[in-house]
């Protein structure tokens, strides 16, 4: 929690005197934070902002936590980099190799 509080404090300095802020951090994982009345909101169990392993697509890729379709598995920095590498490899292989050349992720049925 201390790391998140430091990040929230830095954002507060950058954003000025705003007392109520919501933010989303995308990096190696996904995190969110809400500052209400100038204080970091932690929630009843201290897990407010722990959104990286919320399921966004039940048919999505397997996450490092073992679940399928977590936000982290879909939109974290490493996930975006992996899909970019796959798209580039599909482009290099040329047309007709069975892969879409896009970073948009899997199509919905």
N, C-alpha and C. Protein backbone atom coordinates (compact mmCIF):
# COMPACT_ATOMS: atom_id res chain seq x y z
N UNK A 1 0.80 -1.20 0.00
CA UNK A 1 0.00 0.00 0.00
C UNK A 1 0.85 1.27 0.00
N UNK A 2 1.98 1.25 0.62
CA UNK A 2 2.80 2.45 0.70
C UNK A 2 3.23 2.92 -0.69
N UNK A 3 3.55 1.98 -1.56
CA UNK A 3 3.95 2.33 -2.92
C UNK A 3 2.79 3.04 -3.63
N UNK A 4 1.60 2.52 -3.49
CA UNK A 4 0.43 3.13 -4.13
C UNK A 4 0.17 4.51 -3.55
N UNK A 5 0.36 4.67 -2.26
CA UNK A 5 0.15 5.97 -1.63
C UNK A 5 1.16 7.00 -2.16
N UNK A 6 2.40 6.56 -2.35
CA UNK A 6 3.41 7.46 -2.91
C UNK A 6 3.02 7.88 -4.33
N UNK A 7 2.55 6.90 -5.12
CA UNK A 7 2.12 7.22 -6.49
C UNK A 7 0.95 8.21 -6.45
N UNK A 8 0.01 7.98 -5.56
CA UNK A 8 -1.14 8.88 -5.45
C UNK A 8 -0.67 10.28 -5.04
N UNK A 9 0.29 10.34 -4.15
CA UNK A 9 0.82 11.62 -3.71
C UNK A 9 1.49 12.36 -4.87
N UNK A 10 2.27 11.64 -5.67
CA UNK A 10 2.91 12.25 -6.84
C UNK A 10 1.86 12.78 -7.81
N UNK A 11 0.83 11.99 -8.05
CA UNK A 11 -0.22 12.43 -8.97
C UNK A 11 -0.92 13.68 -8.43
N UNK A 12 -1.08 13.71 -7.12
CA UNK A 12 -1.72 14.88 -6.51
C UNK A 12 -0.87 16.12 -6.76
N UNK A 13 0.44 16.01 -6.63
CA UNK A 13 1.30 17.16 -6.88
C UNK A 13 1.21 17.59 -8.34
N UNK A 14 1.13 16.63 -9.25
CA UNK A 14 1.05 16.94 -10.67
C UNK A 14 -0.29 17.56 -11.02
N UNK A 15 -1.38 17.06 -10.44
CA UNK A 15 -2.72 17.51 -10.78
C UNK A 15 -3.16 18.75 -10.01
N UNK A 16 -2.38 19.15 -9.04
CA UNK A 16 -2.74 20.35 -8.29
C UNK A 16 -3.54 20.02 -7.05
N UNK A 17 -4.41 20.94 -6.68
CA UNK A 17 -5.12 20.85 -5.41
C UNK A 17 -6.43 20.07 -5.50
N UNK A 18 -6.59 19.24 -6.48
CA UNK A 18 -7.83 18.46 -6.59
C UNK A 18 -7.95 17.52 -5.40
N UNK A 19 -9.11 17.52 -4.77
CA UNK A 19 -9.34 16.66 -3.61
C UNK A 19 -9.91 15.30 -3.99
N UNK A 20 -10.54 15.22 -5.15
CA UNK A 20 -11.16 13.98 -5.60
C UNK A 20 -10.59 13.61 -6.97
N UNK A 21 -9.90 12.48 -7.02
CA UNK A 21 -9.22 12.04 -8.24
C UNK A 21 -9.42 10.55 -8.41
N UNK A 22 -9.64 10.12 -9.63
CA UNK A 22 -9.62 8.69 -9.97
C UNK A 22 -8.56 8.51 -11.03
N UNK A 23 -7.77 7.45 -10.92
CA UNK A 23 -6.74 7.21 -11.93
C UNK A 23 -6.60 5.74 -12.21
N UNK A 24 -6.04 5.46 -13.36
CA UNK A 24 -5.78 4.10 -13.80
C UNK A 24 -4.32 4.04 -14.21
N UNK A 25 -3.59 3.09 -13.66
CA UNK A 25 -2.18 2.92 -14.00
C UNK A 25 -2.02 1.65 -14.82
N UNK A 26 -1.41 1.79 -15.99
CA UNK A 26 -1.14 0.65 -16.85
C UNK A 26 0.37 0.53 -16.98
N UNK A 27 0.88 -0.61 -16.57
CA UNK A 27 2.31 -0.89 -16.65
C UNK A 27 2.48 -2.39 -16.78
N UNK A 28 3.34 -2.97 -15.96
CA UNK A 28 3.46 -4.43 -15.97
C UNK A 28 2.20 -5.08 -15.44
N UNK A 29 1.40 -4.30 -14.74
CA UNK A 29 0.09 -4.73 -14.25
C UNK A 29 -0.90 -3.61 -14.44
N UNK A 30 -2.07 -3.77 -13.86
CA UNK A 30 -3.12 -2.75 -13.95
C UNK A 30 -3.53 -2.40 -12.52
N UNK A 31 -3.59 -1.13 -12.22
CA UNK A 31 -4.02 -0.69 -10.89
C UNK A 31 -4.88 0.54 -11.05
N UNK A 32 -5.69 0.79 -10.08
CA UNK A 32 -6.53 1.99 -10.07
C UNK A 32 -6.47 2.59 -8.68
N UNK A 33 -6.81 3.83 -8.61
CA UNK A 33 -6.85 4.49 -7.32
C UNK A 33 -7.92 5.56 -7.31
N UNK A 34 -8.48 5.79 -6.16
CA UNK A 34 -9.47 6.84 -5.98
C UNK A 34 -9.07 7.63 -4.75
N UNK A 35 -8.92 8.92 -4.93
CA UNK A 35 -8.65 9.81 -3.81
C UNK A 35 -9.92 10.61 -3.57
N UNK A 36 -10.46 10.48 -2.37
CA UNK A 36 -11.68 11.19 -1.98
C UNK A 36 -11.35 12.12 -0.82
N UNK A 37 -11.73 13.36 -0.96
CA UNK A 37 -11.43 14.36 0.07
C UNK A 37 -9.95 14.37 0.43
N UNK A 38 -9.10 14.18 -0.58
CA UNK A 38 -7.66 14.24 -0.37
C UNK A 38 -7.04 13.00 0.24
N UNK A 39 -7.82 11.95 0.45
CA UNK A 39 -7.29 10.73 1.07
C UNK A 39 -7.51 9.54 0.15
N UNK A 40 -6.53 8.67 0.08
CA UNK A 40 -6.63 7.46 -0.73
C UNK A 40 -7.73 6.56 -0.18
N UNK A 41 -8.69 6.21 -1.02
CA UNK A 41 -9.78 5.31 -0.61
C UNK A 41 -9.29 3.87 -0.76
N UNK A 42 -9.33 3.11 0.32
CA UNK A 42 -8.83 1.74 0.30
C UNK A 42 -9.95 0.70 0.22
N UNK A 43 -11.15 1.07 0.56
CA UNK A 43 -12.25 0.13 0.56
C UNK A 43 -12.32 -0.64 1.87
N UNK A 44 -13.40 -1.37 2.07
CA UNK A 44 -13.64 -2.07 3.32
C UNK A 44 -12.57 -3.11 3.63
N UNK A 45 -12.02 -3.73 2.62
CA UNK A 45 -11.01 -4.79 2.82
C UNK A 45 -9.61 -4.36 2.38
N UNK A 46 -9.45 -3.09 2.06
CA UNK A 46 -8.14 -2.59 1.65
C UNK A 46 -7.76 -2.96 0.23
N UNK A 47 -8.74 -3.37 -0.57
CA UNK A 47 -8.44 -3.84 -1.92
C UNK A 47 -8.98 -2.92 -3.01
N UNK A 48 -9.49 -1.76 -2.65
CA UNK A 48 -9.97 -0.84 -3.68
C UNK A 48 -8.80 -0.51 -4.60
N UNK A 49 -9.01 -0.59 -5.87
CA UNK A 49 -7.95 -0.31 -6.83
C UNK A 49 -7.24 -1.56 -7.34
N UNK A 50 -7.46 -2.67 -6.69
CA UNK A 50 -6.85 -3.93 -7.15
C UNK A 50 -7.74 -4.51 -8.25
N UNK A 51 -7.61 -3.96 -9.44
CA UNK A 51 -8.51 -4.35 -10.53
C UNK A 51 -7.84 -5.21 -11.60
N UNK A 52 -6.56 -5.43 -11.50
CA UNK A 52 -5.83 -6.17 -12.53
C UNK A 52 -6.35 -7.57 -12.79
N UNK A 53 -6.91 -8.20 -11.77
CA UNK A 53 -7.38 -9.57 -11.95
C UNK A 53 -8.90 -9.66 -11.99
N UNK A 54 -9.55 -8.55 -12.30
CA UNK A 54 -10.98 -8.58 -12.59
C UNK A 54 -11.14 -9.20 -13.98
N UNK A 55 -12.08 -10.10 -14.12
CA UNK A 55 -12.29 -10.79 -15.40
C UNK A 55 -13.02 -9.85 -16.36
N UNK A 56 -12.40 -9.61 -17.50
CA UNK A 56 -13.00 -8.75 -18.52
C UNK A 56 -13.49 -9.57 -19.71
N UNK A 57 -12.89 -10.74 -19.94
CA UNK A 57 -13.26 -11.60 -21.07
C UNK A 57 -13.04 -13.04 -20.65
N UNK A 58 -14.11 -13.73 -20.33
CA UNK A 58 -14.00 -15.11 -19.82
C UNK A 58 -13.33 -16.05 -20.82
N UNK A 59 -13.32 -15.69 -22.10
CA UNK A 59 -12.67 -16.51 -23.12
C UNK A 59 -11.29 -15.95 -23.49
N UNK A 60 -10.82 -14.97 -22.72
CA UNK A 60 -9.55 -14.31 -23.03
C UNK A 60 -8.34 -15.16 -22.69
N UNK A 61 -7.16 -14.59 -22.85
CA UNK A 61 -5.93 -15.33 -22.59
C UNK A 61 -5.75 -15.67 -21.11
N UNK A 62 -4.99 -16.70 -20.84
CA UNK A 62 -4.70 -17.11 -19.47
C UNK A 62 -3.75 -16.09 -18.85
N UNK A 63 -4.09 -15.67 -17.65
CA UNK A 63 -3.29 -14.69 -16.90
C UNK A 63 -2.23 -15.43 -16.08
N UNK A 64 -1.25 -14.69 -15.59
CA UNK A 64 -0.23 -15.28 -14.72
C UNK A 64 -0.82 -15.80 -13.42
N UNK A 65 -2.02 -15.31 -13.04
CA UNK A 65 -2.67 -15.78 -11.82
C UNK A 65 -3.40 -17.10 -12.05
N UNK A 66 -3.52 -17.53 -13.32
CA UNK A 66 -4.18 -18.78 -13.64
C UNK A 66 -5.61 -18.61 -14.14
N UNK A 67 -6.19 -17.43 -13.92
CA UNK A 67 -7.54 -17.17 -14.43
C UNK A 67 -7.46 -16.83 -15.92
N UNK A 68 -8.59 -16.81 -16.55
CA UNK A 68 -8.66 -16.48 -17.97
C UNK A 68 -9.35 -15.13 -18.14
N UNK A 69 -8.74 -14.25 -18.93
CA UNK A 69 -9.38 -12.99 -19.29
C UNK A 69 -9.28 -11.85 -18.30
N UNK A 70 -8.30 -11.89 -17.41
CA UNK A 70 -8.09 -10.77 -16.47
C UNK A 70 -7.71 -9.51 -17.26
N UNK A 71 -8.04 -8.35 -16.70
CA UNK A 71 -7.62 -7.10 -17.33
C UNK A 71 -6.11 -7.11 -17.57
N UNK A 72 -5.36 -7.59 -16.60
CA UNK A 72 -3.91 -7.61 -16.71
C UNK A 72 -3.45 -8.45 -17.91
N UNK A 73 -4.11 -9.56 -18.16
CA UNK A 73 -3.75 -10.42 -19.29
C UNK A 73 -4.13 -9.79 -20.62
N UNK A 74 -5.06 -8.85 -20.59
CA UNK A 74 -5.54 -8.23 -21.83
C UNK A 74 -4.88 -6.90 -22.16
N UNK A 75 -4.63 -6.06 -21.16
CA UNK A 75 -4.21 -4.69 -21.47
C UNK A 75 -2.99 -4.18 -20.71
N UNK A 76 -2.27 -5.04 -20.01
CA UNK A 76 -1.05 -4.58 -19.34
C UNK A 76 0.04 -4.33 -20.39
N UNK A 77 1.09 -3.68 -19.99
CA UNK A 77 2.21 -3.41 -20.91
C UNK A 77 2.74 -4.68 -21.57
N UNK A 78 3.06 -5.73 -20.80
CA UNK A 78 3.55 -6.96 -21.42
C UNK A 78 2.55 -7.60 -22.38
N UNK A 79 1.26 -7.49 -22.07
CA UNK A 79 0.24 -8.05 -22.95
C UNK A 79 0.20 -7.29 -24.27
N UNK A 80 0.26 -5.98 -24.20
CA UNK A 80 0.26 -5.17 -25.41
C UNK A 80 1.50 -5.47 -26.24
N UNK A 81 2.66 -5.59 -25.58
CA UNK A 81 3.90 -5.90 -26.30
C UNK A 81 3.83 -7.27 -26.96
N UNK A 82 3.25 -8.25 -26.26
CA UNK A 82 3.12 -9.60 -26.83
C UNK A 82 2.24 -9.58 -28.08
N UNK A 83 1.10 -8.88 -28.00
CA UNK A 83 0.21 -8.82 -29.16
C UNK A 83 0.86 -8.06 -30.31
N UNK A 84 1.64 -7.04 -30.00
CA UNK A 84 2.35 -6.30 -31.06
C UNK A 84 3.34 -7.21 -31.75
N UNK A 85 4.09 -8.00 -30.97
CA UNK A 85 5.06 -8.94 -31.56
C UNK A 85 4.34 -9.97 -32.43
N UNK A 86 3.20 -10.46 -31.98
CA UNK A 86 2.44 -11.43 -32.77
C UNK A 86 1.94 -10.81 -34.07
N UNK A 87 1.47 -9.56 -34.00
CA UNK A 87 0.99 -8.88 -35.20
C UNK A 87 2.13 -8.65 -36.19
N UNK A 88 3.29 -8.26 -35.68
CA UNK A 88 4.45 -8.06 -36.56
C UNK A 88 4.90 -9.36 -37.20
N UNK A 89 4.87 -10.44 -36.42
CA UNK A 89 5.25 -11.74 -36.96
C UNK A 89 4.27 -12.18 -38.04
N UNK A 90 2.98 -11.91 -37.82
CA UNK A 90 1.97 -12.26 -38.83
C UNK A 90 2.18 -11.45 -40.09
N UNK A 91 2.52 -10.17 -39.95
CA UNK A 91 2.80 -9.34 -41.13
C UNK A 91 4.02 -9.86 -41.88
N UNK A 92 5.06 -10.25 -41.13
CA UNK A 92 6.28 -10.74 -41.77
C UNK A 92 6.04 -12.05 -42.49
N UNK A 93 5.11 -12.87 -41.99
CA UNK A 93 4.81 -14.15 -42.62
C UNK A 93 4.04 -13.95 -43.93
N UNK A 94 3.45 -12.79 -44.10
CA UNK A 94 2.72 -12.50 -45.33
C UNK A 94 1.26 -12.85 -45.21
N UNK A 95 0.49 -12.48 -46.23
CA UNK A 95 -0.96 -12.73 -46.19
C UNK A 95 -1.28 -14.22 -46.26
N UNK A 96 -2.43 -14.55 -45.70
CA UNK A 96 -2.93 -15.92 -45.80
C UNK A 96 -2.32 -16.89 -44.81
N UNK A 97 -1.71 -16.40 -43.75
CA UNK A 97 -1.11 -17.30 -42.77
C UNK A 97 -2.00 -17.51 -41.56
N UNK A 98 -3.27 -17.19 -41.72
CA UNK A 98 -4.25 -17.52 -40.68
C UNK A 98 -4.30 -16.61 -39.49
N UNK A 99 -3.55 -15.55 -39.48
CA UNK A 99 -3.56 -14.63 -38.34
C UNK A 99 -3.99 -13.26 -38.82
N UNK A 100 -4.80 -12.61 -38.02
CA UNK A 100 -5.14 -11.23 -38.33
C UNK A 100 -3.96 -10.35 -37.96
N UNK A 101 -3.71 -9.37 -38.76
CA UNK A 101 -2.64 -8.43 -38.46
C UNK A 101 -3.23 -7.21 -37.76
N UNK A 102 -3.46 -7.34 -36.47
CA UNK A 102 -4.04 -6.27 -35.68
C UNK A 102 -3.65 -6.42 -34.22
N UNK A 103 -3.67 -5.32 -33.52
CA UNK A 103 -3.39 -5.35 -32.08
C UNK A 103 -4.68 -5.38 -31.28
N UNK A 104 -5.79 -5.48 -31.95
CA UNK A 104 -7.10 -5.36 -31.29
C UNK A 104 -7.44 -6.56 -30.41
N UNK A 105 -6.71 -7.65 -30.52
CA UNK A 105 -7.02 -8.82 -29.71
C UNK A 105 -8.01 -9.71 -30.42
N UNK A 106 -8.50 -10.73 -29.74
CA UNK A 106 -9.40 -11.69 -30.37
C UNK A 106 -10.74 -11.06 -30.70
N UNK A 107 -11.33 -11.52 -31.80
CA UNK A 107 -12.66 -11.05 -32.19
C UNK A 107 -13.72 -11.74 -31.37
N UNK A 108 -14.78 -11.01 -31.12
CA UNK A 108 -15.94 -11.62 -30.44
C UNK A 108 -16.69 -12.46 -31.45
N UNK A 109 -17.30 -13.58 -31.01
CA UNK A 109 -18.04 -14.42 -31.97
C UNK A 109 -19.26 -13.74 -32.53
